[in-house]
Every structure is written in structure tokens, then in C-alpha cells.
Amino acid sequence: MSTNESERNINPDVILKFDKDKNREPIKGERNVLVTSALPYVNNIPHLGNIIGSVLSADVFARYSRARRYNTLFICGTDEYGTATETKALEEGITCQELCDKYHAIH
């Protein structure tokens, strides 16, 4: 079998596994992949649009990269100070931080 990187076999066992204790730093001599996604706003309860518009494609690519046995790190966060969040906080008469804390507690 060729050792060409583009011909690596896919390993389905790693697609759904995540070892939280594994070091995620770049490894010299290996294919290192950093995946991030668009940051969802925290101005409402999460819904399907948050997943589809923000994290789904990045998650699929990260799983594909892991299946190819690449050293992969997928990170994401939230946009706590976007216009939508600030507008919602003003409507509710609270700070952006309080709004974020509110929706964090809900989900």
C-alpha cells in the first residue's frame, strides 16, 4: 500500500471518538489540521439554524480529518458581543454578559 497521504485509508472507528486527555498540539512530521467555524450568536435558545449555519460543516470536516488519521483540533466558541446579542440585551434591559449567562444556563 502506498504511504501517499492522499491514499490513506479511512478509519471509521475514530469518527465519533474523542479522547479529551489527548494532547492536541501540532506534531512535527504529521498532518496537523485546525478546524474552527463561524461563531453563533448567544441571543436566543440554540436552534437548528445555529447548527447548520455555524458548526455542521466544520464538524463534518473535523470528523473526516480524524478518520484520515490527521492530528485534528476542532474549536468553536460563541459571539458574545455581536450586534444581535447587543440588541437582545438592550431589549431585555440587561448586559451582554447577563444575556450570555442566561442562555448558558438554559442549555
Protein backbone atom coordinates (compact mmCIF):
# COMPACT_ATOMS: atom_id res chain seq x y z
CA MET A 1 0.00 0.00 0.00
CA SER A 2 1.26 3.46 -0.84
CA THR A 3 2.15 5.77 2.00
CA ASN A 4 0.93 8.73 -0.03
CA GLU A 5 -1.10 10.96 2.26
CA SER A 6 -3.97 11.25 -0.22
CA GLU A 7 -4.35 7.46 -0.26
CA ARG A 8 -4.73 6.89 3.49
CA ASN A 9 -7.47 4.51 4.47
CA ILE A 10 -10.39 5.98 6.34
CA ASN A 11 -10.73 4.68 9.88
CA PRO A 12 -14.44 4.79 10.84
CA ASP A 13 -13.64 3.98 14.49
CA VAL A 14 -12.19 7.45 15.10
CA ILE A 15 -15.04 9.44 13.56
CA LEU A 16 -17.13 9.51 16.73
CA LYS A 17 -14.41 9.05 19.35
CA PHE A 18 -12.78 11.93 21.15
CA ASP A 19 -10.07 11.49 23.74
CA LYS A 20 -10.31 14.55 25.96
CA ASP A 21 -6.96 13.69 27.56
CA LYS A 22 -5.05 13.54 24.27
CA ASN A 23 -2.56 16.33 23.66
CA ARG A 24 -3.84 18.47 20.79
CA GLU A 25 -0.63 20.31 19.99
CA PRO A 26 0.87 20.17 16.49
CA ILE A 27 3.06 17.14 15.89
CA LYS A 28 6.14 17.60 13.75
CA GLY A 29 6.11 15.40 10.67
CA GLU A 30 2.35 14.77 10.80
CA ARG A 31 -0.54 16.44 9.03
CA ASN A 32 -1.92 18.90 11.59
CA VAL A 33 -5.40 20.27 10.97
CA LEU A 34 -7.03 23.11 12.91
CA VAL A 35 -10.76 23.49 12.26
CA THR A 36 -12.93 26.32 13.51
CA SER A 37 -16.34 27.54 12.49
CA ALA A 38 -18.46 30.63 12.28
CA LEU A 39 -19.34 31.76 15.77
CA PRO A 40 -23.04 31.55 16.65
CA TYR A 41 -24.65 34.44 18.49
CA VAL A 42 -25.90 33.90 22.02
CA ASN A 43 -29.04 35.99 21.69
CA ASN A 44 -31.56 33.17 21.89
CA ILE A 45 -32.02 29.49 22.66
CA PRO A 46 -29.95 27.40 20.19
CA HIS A 47 -31.88 26.10 17.19
CA LEU A 48 -31.26 24.10 14.02
CA GLY A 49 -30.06 27.20 12.16
CA ASN A 50 -27.21 27.59 14.66
CA ILE A 51 -26.02 24.09 13.88
CA ILE A 52 -26.43 24.30 10.11
CA GLY A 53 -25.10 27.83 9.73
CA SER A 54 -22.29 27.69 12.22
CA VAL A 55 -20.86 24.32 13.14
CA LEU A 56 -22.16 21.46 10.99
CA SER A 57 -19.78 21.73 8.04
CA ALA A 58 -16.79 22.29 10.32
CA ASP A 59 -17.77 19.27 12.44
CA VAL A 60 -18.08 17.07 9.35
CA PHE A 61 -14.67 18.19 8.10
CA ALA A 62 -13.07 17.60 11.53
CA ARG A 63 -14.53 14.08 11.66
CA TYR A 64 -13.28 13.42 8.13
CA SER A 65 -9.81 14.65 9.07
CA ARG A 66 -9.73 12.43 12.15
CA ALA A 67 -10.91 9.48 10.07
CA ARG A 68 -7.94 10.13 7.78
CA ARG A 69 -5.80 9.91 10.93
CA TYR A 70 -4.72 13.54 10.78
CA ASN A 71 -3.87 15.24 14.07
CA THR A 72 -7.06 17.32 14.23
CA LEU A 73 -8.26 20.00 16.63
CA PHE A 74 -11.78 21.41 16.24
CA ILE A 75 -12.52 24.51 18.29
CA CYS A 76 -15.53 26.75 18.42
CA GLY A 77 -16.94 29.46 20.58
CA THR A 78 -19.72 32.00 20.58
CA ASP A 79 -20.01 35.62 19.52
CA GLU A 80 -20.98 37.24 22.79
CA TYR A 81 -20.78 40.83 21.56
CA GLY A 82 -22.27 40.70 18.08
CA THR A 83 -24.98 43.14 17.06
CA ALA A 84 -27.75 40.57 17.54
CA THR A 85 -26.58 39.87 21.09
CA GLU A 86 -26.24 43.54 22.00
CA THR A 87 -29.70 44.31 20.57
CA LYS A 88 -31.31 41.47 22.53
CA ALA A 89 -29.56 42.57 25.75
CA LEU A 90 -30.83 46.13 25.27
CA GLU A 91 -34.37 44.83 24.66
CA GLU A 92 -34.24 42.83 27.90
CA GLY A 93 -32.56 45.63 29.86
CA ILE A 94 -29.55 43.52 30.83
CA THR A 95 -25.86 43.43 29.95
CA CYS A 96 -24.43 41.20 27.23
CA GLN A 97 -22.73 39.13 29.94
CA GLU A 98 -26.04 38.63 31.76
CA LEU A 99 -27.70 37.60 28.50
CA CYS A 100 -24.93 35.10 27.78
CA ASP A 101 -25.19 33.70 31.30
CA LYS A 102 -28.97 33.38 30.91
CA TYR A 103 -28.77 31.31 27.73
CA HIS A 104 -25.82 29.31 29.02
CA ALA A 105 -27.95 28.24 31.99
CA ILE A 106 -30.82 27.25 29.67
CA HIS A 107 -28.80 24.86 27.57
